[in-house]
Amino acid sequence: MQTFSCLQRSGDDDRTLRHLLVLLLIFFYEPLTTLYIYIPALLGYGAWRIVYSTYTIERVLWLLYLYIFEIDHSMPRFSILIATAIFLYFMKRLSSVLACNKMLPLMAISFYYLIYIAVLLFYNYILDFDILINIKLFMDYTLGDIVVWYAF
């Protein structure tokens, strides 16, 4: 029995703290990824949260994070949003087929970066852009996102 009823755990507080953390990511962490390129960009983690978050506000905040990342890093317009739309389409089907739920985030984050590289290559080919795609940097981003997913 709890002595003070105001000290009970509440799911609303957890949700509010999570939304505040995402807002801090948008305003403080994202500019740091511009200054220091080896900090993981959390693109795959953001796409994962868009797909599997139960709260609409969290989905909107992660979409805002991805779009601000795209603008801040001078990526081709809507490349991240196109990659996210393709990711959403395939992840709904892949999650219903895959039986191991522990491997799903690992595969999803890797799959998102593969889709994003494919979208950038498509932009290179069709629009004749000269976008430098550093595969090793994307691999570092993937590993960083996976570590962040397992930490949270």
N, C-alpha and C. Protein backbone atom coordinates (compact mmCIF):
# COMPACT_ATOMS: atom_id res chain seq x y z
N MET A 1 0.84 -1.17 0.00
CA MET A 1 0.00 0.00 0.00
C MET A 1 0.89 1.24 0.00
N GLN A 2 0.51 2.18 -0.79
CA GLN A 2 1.32 3.38 -0.92
C GLN A 2 0.79 4.48 0.00
N THR A 3 1.70 5.13 0.67
CA THR A 3 1.31 6.16 1.63
C THR A 3 0.80 7.41 0.93
N PHE A 4 1.53 7.88 -0.05
CA PHE A 4 1.15 9.09 -0.76
C PHE A 4 0.64 8.71 -2.14
N SER A 5 -0.59 9.07 -2.43
CA SER A 5 -1.15 8.71 -3.72
C SER A 5 -0.53 9.50 -4.86
N CYS A 6 0.07 10.64 -4.55
CA CYS A 6 0.68 11.44 -5.62
C CYS A 6 2.01 10.85 -6.07
N LEU A 7 2.54 9.86 -5.38
CA LEU A 7 3.81 9.26 -5.73
C LEU A 7 3.65 8.00 -6.58
N GLN A 8 2.45 7.74 -7.04
CA GLN A 8 2.24 6.56 -7.88
C GLN A 8 2.85 6.79 -9.25
N ARG A 9 3.25 5.71 -9.85
CA ARG A 9 3.81 5.80 -11.20
C ARG A 9 2.71 6.09 -12.19
N SER A 10 3.05 6.89 -13.17
CA SER A 10 2.06 7.27 -14.16
C SER A 10 2.66 7.11 -15.55
N GLY A 11 1.91 6.51 -16.45
CA GLY A 11 2.35 6.38 -17.82
C GLY A 11 2.37 7.70 -18.57
N ASP A 12 1.55 8.65 -18.12
CA ASP A 12 1.53 9.97 -18.76
C ASP A 12 2.85 10.70 -18.57
N ASP A 13 3.46 10.54 -17.39
CA ASP A 13 4.75 11.19 -17.15
C ASP A 13 5.82 10.61 -18.06
N ASP A 14 5.80 9.30 -18.24
CA ASP A 14 6.76 8.65 -19.13
C ASP A 14 6.59 9.14 -20.56
N ARG A 15 5.37 9.26 -21.00
CA ARG A 15 5.10 9.73 -22.36
C ARG A 15 5.54 11.18 -22.53
N THR A 16 5.28 12.01 -21.54
CA THR A 16 5.69 13.42 -21.62
C THR A 16 7.20 13.55 -21.64
N LEU A 17 7.89 12.77 -20.84
CA LEU A 17 9.35 12.80 -20.85
C LEU A 17 9.92 12.33 -22.19
N ARG A 18 9.29 11.34 -22.79
CA ARG A 18 9.74 10.86 -24.09
C ARG A 18 9.56 11.93 -25.17
N HIS A 19 8.44 12.63 -25.12
CA HIS A 19 8.20 13.70 -26.09
C HIS A 19 9.18 14.86 -25.88
N LEU A 20 9.49 15.17 -24.64
CA LEU A 20 10.48 16.21 -24.37
C LEU A 20 11.87 15.81 -24.85
N LEU A 21 12.20 14.53 -24.72
CA LEU A 21 13.49 14.04 -25.21
C LEU A 21 13.57 14.19 -26.73
N VAL A 22 12.50 13.89 -27.43
CA VAL A 22 12.49 14.05 -28.88
C VAL A 22 12.63 15.52 -29.26
N LEU A 23 11.97 16.40 -28.52
CA LEU A 23 12.12 17.84 -28.79
C LEU A 23 13.55 18.30 -28.55
N LEU A 24 14.19 17.79 -27.51
CA LEU A 24 15.60 18.12 -27.27
C LEU A 24 16.48 17.60 -28.40
N LEU A 25 16.15 16.41 -28.92
CA LEU A 25 16.89 15.89 -30.06
C LEU A 25 16.78 16.83 -31.25
N ILE A 26 15.59 17.33 -31.49
CA ILE A 26 15.38 18.20 -32.64
C ILE A 26 16.18 19.48 -32.51
N PHE A 27 16.17 20.08 -31.33
CA PHE A 27 16.77 21.40 -31.18
C PHE A 27 18.24 21.39 -30.79
N PHE A 28 18.74 20.32 -30.17
CA PHE A 28 20.12 20.32 -29.73
C PHE A 28 20.97 19.24 -30.39
N TYR A 29 20.43 18.04 -30.53
CA TYR A 29 21.24 16.95 -31.07
C TYR A 29 21.42 17.08 -32.58
N GLU A 30 20.38 17.48 -33.27
CA GLU A 30 20.47 17.55 -34.73
C GLU A 30 21.51 18.57 -35.21
N PRO A 31 21.62 19.76 -34.62
CA PRO A 31 22.71 20.65 -35.03
C PRO A 31 24.10 20.09 -34.72
N LEU A 32 24.21 19.28 -33.66
CA LEU A 32 25.50 18.65 -33.37
C LEU A 32 25.89 17.65 -34.46
N THR A 33 24.91 17.01 -35.08
CA THR A 33 25.24 16.08 -36.17
C THR A 33 25.74 16.83 -37.39
N THR A 34 25.42 18.10 -37.50
CA THR A 34 25.95 18.91 -38.59
C THR A 34 27.41 19.27 -38.32
N LEU A 35 27.72 19.59 -37.08
CA LEU A 35 29.09 19.97 -36.74
C LEU A 35 30.03 18.79 -36.69
N TYR A 36 29.57 17.70 -36.10
CA TYR A 36 30.40 16.50 -35.94
C TYR A 36 29.74 15.37 -36.75
N ILE A 37 30.32 15.05 -37.89
CA ILE A 37 29.63 14.12 -38.79
C ILE A 37 29.65 12.68 -38.30
N TYR A 38 30.49 12.34 -37.35
CA TYR A 38 30.55 10.96 -36.90
C TYR A 38 29.60 10.66 -35.75
N ILE A 39 28.82 11.65 -35.33
CA ILE A 39 27.74 11.38 -34.37
C ILE A 39 26.60 10.72 -35.14
N PRO A 40 26.06 9.61 -34.66
CA PRO A 40 24.98 8.95 -35.41
C PRO A 40 23.79 9.88 -35.61
N ALA A 41 23.26 9.88 -36.80
CA ALA A 41 22.18 10.80 -37.14
C ALA A 41 20.82 10.35 -36.62
N LEU A 42 20.69 9.11 -36.22
CA LEU A 42 19.44 8.53 -35.70
C LEU A 42 18.32 8.55 -36.74
N LEU A 43 18.67 8.42 -38.00
CA LEU A 43 17.66 8.37 -39.05
C LEU A 43 16.88 7.06 -38.99
N GLY A 44 17.59 5.96 -38.86
CA GLY A 44 16.92 4.66 -38.78
C GLY A 44 16.08 4.52 -37.53
N TYR A 45 16.60 5.03 -36.41
CA TYR A 45 15.84 4.98 -35.17
C TYR A 45 14.58 5.84 -35.28
N GLY A 46 14.71 7.00 -35.93
CA GLY A 46 13.55 7.87 -36.13
C GLY A 46 12.49 7.21 -37.00
N ALA A 47 12.94 6.55 -38.06
CA ALA A 47 11.98 5.83 -38.92
C ALA A 47 11.33 4.68 -38.16
N TRP A 48 12.11 4.01 -37.32
CA TRP A 48 11.56 2.93 -36.50
C TRP A 48 10.49 3.47 -35.55
N ARG A 49 10.74 4.62 -34.94
CA ARG A 49 9.77 5.22 -34.02
C ARG A 49 8.53 5.70 -34.77
N ILE A 50 8.69 6.13 -36.02
CA ILE A 50 7.52 6.53 -36.81
C ILE A 50 6.62 5.34 -37.06
N VAL A 51 7.20 4.20 -37.35
CA VAL A 51 6.41 3.01 -37.66
C VAL A 51 5.76 2.44 -36.40
N TYR A 52 6.51 2.34 -35.31
CA TYR A 52 6.04 1.57 -34.16
C TYR A 52 5.65 2.41 -32.94
N SER A 53 5.54 3.70 -33.08
CA SER A 53 5.09 4.52 -31.97
C SER A 53 3.56 4.47 -31.90
N THR A 54 3.06 4.48 -30.69
CA THR A 54 1.60 4.45 -30.52
C THR A 54 1.01 5.85 -30.42
N TYR A 55 1.84 6.86 -30.31
CA TYR A 55 1.38 8.24 -30.14
C TYR A 55 1.61 9.03 -31.41
N THR A 56 0.61 9.73 -31.85
CA THR A 56 0.70 10.52 -33.08
C THR A 56 1.69 11.67 -32.93
N ILE A 57 1.73 12.29 -31.78
CA ILE A 57 2.64 13.42 -31.58
C ILE A 57 4.09 12.98 -31.69
N GLU A 58 4.40 11.78 -31.23
CA GLU A 58 5.76 11.27 -31.35
C GLU A 58 6.11 11.00 -32.80
N ARG A 59 5.17 10.48 -33.56
CA ARG A 59 5.41 10.27 -35.00
C ARG A 59 5.68 11.58 -35.72
N VAL A 60 4.88 12.60 -35.39
CA VAL A 60 5.04 13.91 -36.03
C VAL A 60 6.39 14.52 -35.65
N LEU A 61 6.80 14.38 -34.39
CA LEU A 61 8.09 14.92 -33.96
C LEU A 61 9.25 14.24 -34.67
N TRP A 62 9.16 12.92 -34.84
CA TRP A 62 10.24 12.22 -35.54
C TRP A 62 10.25 12.57 -37.03
N LEU A 63 9.09 12.75 -37.63
CA LEU A 63 9.06 13.22 -39.02
C LEU A 63 9.68 14.61 -39.14
N LEU A 64 9.40 15.47 -38.19
CA LEU A 64 9.99 16.80 -38.17
C LEU A 64 11.51 16.70 -38.03
N TYR A 65 11.98 15.80 -37.16
CA TYR A 65 13.43 15.60 -37.00
C TYR A 65 14.06 15.16 -38.31
N LEU A 66 13.45 14.21 -38.99
CA LEU A 66 14.01 13.72 -40.26
C LEU A 66 14.02 14.82 -41.32
N TYR A 67 12.97 15.61 -41.38
CA TYR A 67 12.91 16.67 -42.38
C TYR A 67 13.93 17.78 -42.08
N ILE A 68 14.08 18.14 -40.80
CA ILE A 68 15.08 19.14 -40.44
C ILE A 68 16.48 18.63 -40.72
N PHE A 69 16.73 17.35 -40.48
CA PHE A 69 18.02 16.76 -40.81
C PHE A 69 18.30 16.88 -42.31
N GLU A 70 17.29 16.60 -43.11
CA GLU A 70 17.45 16.67 -44.56
C GLU A 70 17.77 18.10 -45.01
N ILE A 71 17.09 19.07 -44.45
CA ILE A 71 17.34 20.47 -44.82
C ILE A 71 18.71 20.92 -44.32
N ASP A 72 19.04 20.58 -43.09
CA ASP A 72 20.27 21.05 -42.48
C ASP A 72 21.51 20.46 -43.13
N HIS A 73 21.42 19.25 -43.65
CA HIS A 73 22.57 18.59 -44.26
C HIS A 73 22.59 18.72 -45.78
N SER A 74 21.74 19.57 -46.33
CA SER A 74 21.68 19.85 -47.77
C SER A 74 21.49 18.58 -48.60
N MET A 75 20.63 17.72 -48.13
CA MET A 75 20.29 16.53 -48.91
C MET A 75 19.29 16.93 -49.99
N PRO A 76 19.15 16.11 -51.03
CA PRO A 76 18.13 16.42 -52.05
C PRO A 76 16.74 16.48 -51.41
N ARG A 77 15.94 17.38 -51.89
CA ARG A 77 14.62 17.60 -51.31
C ARG A 77 13.78 16.33 -51.31
N PHE A 78 13.17 16.08 -50.19
CA PHE A 78 12.25 14.97 -49.95
C PHE A 78 12.88 13.59 -50.10
N SER A 79 14.20 13.50 -50.09
CA SER A 79 14.83 12.18 -50.20
C SER A 79 14.58 11.35 -48.94
N ILE A 80 14.67 11.97 -47.78
CA ILE A 80 14.43 11.24 -46.54
C ILE A 80 12.95 10.88 -46.41
N LEU A 81 12.08 11.79 -46.83
CA LEU A 81 10.64 11.49 -46.73
C LEU A 81 10.23 10.39 -47.71
N ILE A 82 10.84 10.37 -48.89
CA ILE A 82 10.57 9.28 -49.85
C ILE A 82 11.08 7.96 -49.28
N ALA A 83 12.28 7.98 -48.71
CA ALA A 83 12.83 6.76 -48.11
C ALA A 83 11.96 6.29 -46.94
N THR A 84 11.44 7.23 -46.16
CA THR A 84 10.57 6.87 -45.04
C THR A 84 9.25 6.29 -45.53
N ALA A 85 8.69 6.85 -46.60
CA ALA A 85 7.44 6.30 -47.15
C ALA A 85 7.65 4.88 -47.68
N ILE A 86 8.76 4.64 -48.37
CA ILE A 86 9.06 3.28 -48.85
C ILE A 86 9.27 2.35 -47.66
N PHE A 87 9.96 2.84 -46.65
CA PHE A 87 10.20 2.05 -45.44
C PHE A 87 8.89 1.68 -44.75
N LEU A 88 7.97 2.63 -44.65
CA LEU A 88 6.67 2.34 -44.03
C LEU A 88 5.91 1.28 -44.81
N TYR A 89 5.97 1.38 -46.12
CA TYR A 89 5.25 0.41 -46.96
C TYR A 89 5.78 -1.01 -46.74
N PHE A 90 7.10 -1.16 -46.72
CA PHE A 90 7.66 -2.49 -46.60
C PHE A 90 7.70 -3.01 -45.16
N MET A 91 7.82 -2.13 -44.19
CA MET A 91 7.93 -2.62 -42.81
C MET A 91 6.63 -3.21 -42.29
N LYS A 92 5.51 -2.69 -42.72
CA LYS A 92 4.23 -3.27 -42.29
C LYS A 92 4.12 -4.72 -42.77
N ARG A 93 4.61 -4.99 -43.95
CA ARG A 93 4.55 -6.36 -44.48
C ARG A 93 5.63 -7.24 -43.88
N LEU A 94 6.83 -6.68 -43.70
CA LEU A 94 7.92 -7.47 -43.15
C LEU A 94 7.68 -7.85 -41.69
N SER A 95 7.08 -6.96 -40.92
CA SER A 95 6.83 -7.27 -39.52
C SER A 95 5.78 -8.36 -39.33
N SER A 96 4.87 -8.48 -40.29
CA SER A 96 3.88 -9.55 -40.18
C SER A 96 4.46 -10.91 -40.59
N VAL A 97 5.53 -10.91 -41.37
CA VAL A 97 6.14 -12.16 -41.83
C VAL A 97 7.22 -12.63 -40.86
N LEU A 98 7.99 -11.69 -40.32
CA LEU A 98 9.12 -12.04 -39.47
C LEU A 98 8.62 -12.51 -38.10
N ALA A 99 9.11 -13.63 -37.64
CA ALA A 99 8.65 -14.20 -36.38
C ALA A 99 9.44 -13.70 -35.18
N CYS A 100 10.70 -13.37 -35.36
CA CYS A 100 11.56 -12.96 -34.26
C CYS A 100 11.47 -11.45 -34.06
N ASN A 101 10.80 -11.03 -32.99
CA ASN A 101 10.61 -9.61 -32.74
C ASN A 101 11.87 -8.92 -32.23
N LYS A 102 12.83 -9.67 -31.71
CA LYS A 102 14.08 -9.06 -31.24
C LYS A 102 14.97 -8.64 -32.41
N MET A 103 14.87 -9.33 -33.52
CA MET A 103 15.69 -9.00 -34.69
C MET A 103 15.04 -7.96 -35.58
N LEU A 104 13.76 -7.71 -35.38
CA LEU A 104 13.04 -6.77 -36.24
C LEU A 104 13.61 -5.36 -36.21
N PRO A 105 13.91 -4.77 -35.04
CA PRO A 105 14.50 -3.42 -35.06
C PRO A 105 15.86 -3.37 -35.72
N LEU A 106 16.68 -4.38 -35.48
CA LEU A 106 18.00 -4.43 -36.10
C LEU A 106 17.88 -4.47 -37.62
N MET A 107 17.00 -5.31 -38.11
CA MET A 107 16.79 -5.40 -39.56
C MET A 107 16.14 -4.14 -40.10
N ALA A 108 15.23 -3.56 -39.34
CA ALA A 108 14.51 -2.37 -39.81
C ALA A 108 15.45 -1.18 -39.94
N ILE A 109 16.32 -0.97 -38.98
CA ILE A 109 17.25 0.15 -39.03
C ILE A 109 18.22 -0.03 -40.19
N SER A 110 18.74 -1.24 -40.36
CA SER A 110 19.63 -1.50 -41.50
C SER A 110 18.90 -1.35 -42.82
N PHE A 111 17.68 -1.81 -42.86
CA PHE A 111 16.86 -1.73 -44.07
C PHE A 111 16.57 -0.27 -44.43
N TYR A 112 16.34 0.58 -43.42
CA TYR A 112 16.08 1.99 -43.70
C TYR A 112 17.29 2.65 -44.35
N TYR A 113 18.48 2.38 -43.83
CA TYR A 113 19.66 2.99 -44.44
C TYR A 113 19.92 2.46 -45.84
N LEU A 114 19.61 1.19 -46.09
CA LEU A 114 19.73 0.67 -47.45
C LEU A 114 18.75 1.35 -48.39
N ILE A 115 17.54 1.57 -47.93
CA ILE A 115 16.54 2.28 -48.74
C ILE A 115 17.00 3.71 -49.00
N TYR A 116 17.55 4.35 -47.98
CA TYR A 116 17.98 5.74 -48.14
C TYR A 116 19.15 5.84 -49.13
N ILE A 117 20.08 4.91 -49.08
CA ILE A 117 21.18 4.90 -50.05
C ILE A 117 20.63 4.66 -51.45
N ALA A 118 19.64 3.77 -51.58
CA ALA A 118 19.04 3.52 -52.90
C ALA A 118 18.33 4.78 -53.43
N VAL A 119 17.66 5.51 -52.55
CA VAL A 119 17.00 6.75 -52.98
C VAL A 119 18.05 7.78 -53.42
N LEU A 120 19.16 7.89 -52.68
CA LEU A 120 20.21 8.81 -53.08
C LEU A 120 20.84 8.41 -54.41
N LEU A 121 21.04 7.11 -54.62
CA LEU A 121 21.56 6.65 -55.91
C LEU A 121 20.58 6.93 -57.03
N PHE A 122 19.30 6.81 -56.74
CA PHE A 122 18.27 7.15 -57.73
C PHE A 122 18.34 8.63 -58.09
N TYR A 123 18.49 9.48 -57.08
CA TYR A 123 18.65 10.92 -57.34
C TYR A 123 19.91 11.17 -58.17
N ASN A 124 20.99 10.45 -57.86
CA ASN A 124 22.22 10.61 -58.64
C ASN A 124 22.00 10.25 -60.10
N TYR A 125 21.30 9.16 -60.34
CA TYR A 125 21.14 8.66 -61.71
C TYR A 125 20.13 9.50 -62.50
N ILE A 126 18.97 9.73 -61.96
CA ILE A 126 17.91 10.41 -62.69
C ILE A 126 18.18 11.90 -62.85
N LEU A 127 18.55 12.56 -61.78
CA LEU A 127 18.71 14.00 -61.82
C LEU A 127 20.14 14.45 -62.08
N ASP A 128 21.03 13.50 -62.24
CA ASP A 128 22.44 13.76 -62.54
C ASP A 128 23.07 14.66 -61.49
N PHE A 129 22.81 14.35 -60.22
CA PHE A 129 23.44 15.05 -59.11
C PHE A 129 24.80 14.42 -58.84
N ASP A 130 25.62 15.13 -58.16
CA ASP A 130 26.89 14.58 -57.68
C ASP A 130 26.86 14.53 -56.16
N ILE A 131 26.06 13.61 -55.64
CA ILE A 131 25.96 13.44 -54.19
C ILE A 131 26.98 12.40 -53.78
N LEU A 132 27.86 12.79 -52.88
CA LEU A 132 28.84 11.84 -52.39
C LEU A 132 28.19 10.96 -51.34
N ILE A 133 28.22 9.67 -51.57
CA ILE A 133 27.61 8.73 -50.64
C ILE A 133 28.75 7.97 -49.97
N ASN A 134 28.96 8.24 -48.71
CA ASN A 134 30.00 7.60 -47.94
C ASN A 134 29.40 6.37 -47.25
N ILE A 135 29.67 5.22 -47.82
CA ILE A 135 29.07 3.98 -47.31
C ILE A 135 29.54 3.68 -45.89
N LYS A 136 30.82 3.93 -45.61
CA LYS A 136 31.33 3.68 -44.26
C LYS A 136 30.63 4.57 -43.23
N LEU A 137 30.34 5.81 -43.59
CA LEU A 137 29.62 6.69 -42.69
C LEU A 137 28.21 6.18 -42.42
N PHE A 138 27.55 5.67 -43.46
CA PHE A 138 26.21 5.10 -43.27
C PHE A 138 26.27 3.84 -42.41
N MET A 139 27.34 3.07 -42.53
CA MET A 139 27.49 1.90 -41.67
C MET A 139 27.68 2.33 -40.21
N ASP A 140 28.45 3.39 -39.99
CA ASP A 140 28.62 3.91 -38.63
C ASP A 140 27.30 4.42 -38.09
N TYR A 141 26.52 5.12 -38.93
CA TYR A 141 25.21 5.59 -38.51
C TYR A 141 24.30 4.42 -38.13
N THR A 142 24.35 3.36 -38.92
CA THR A 142 23.52 2.18 -38.64
C THR A 142 23.88 1.57 -37.30
N LEU A 143 25.18 1.39 -37.06
CA LEU A 143 25.60 0.81 -35.78
C LEU A 143 25.24 1.72 -34.61
N GLY A 144 25.38 3.03 -34.79
CA GLY A 144 25.01 3.97 -33.74
C GLY A 144 23.53 3.93 -33.44
N ASP A 145 22.70 3.83 -34.47
CA ASP A 145 21.26 3.73 -34.27
C ASP A 145 20.88 2.44 -33.55
N ILE A 146 21.54 1.37 -33.88
CA ILE A 146 21.23 0.09 -33.23
C ILE A 146 21.61 0.16 -31.74
N VAL A 147 22.74 0.78 -31.43
CA VAL A 147 23.16 0.93 -30.02
C VAL A 147 22.14 1.80 -29.29
N VAL A 148 21.67 2.88 -29.92
CA VAL A 148 20.67 3.75 -29.28
C VAL A 148 19.37 2.99 -29.09
N TRP A 149 18.97 2.16 -30.06
CA TRP A 149 17.74 1.41 -29.91
C TRP A 149 17.83 0.45 -28.72
N TYR A 150 18.97 -0.25 -28.59
CA TYR A 150 19.10 -1.20 -27.49
C TYR A 150 19.24 -0.47 -26.14
N ALA A 151 19.74 0.76 -26.16
CA ALA A 151 19.87 1.51 -24.90
C ALA A 151 18.50 2.03 -24.42
N PHE A 152 17.63 2.37 -25.36
CA PHE A 152 16.32 2.89 -24.98
C PHE A 152 15.24 1.89 -25.28
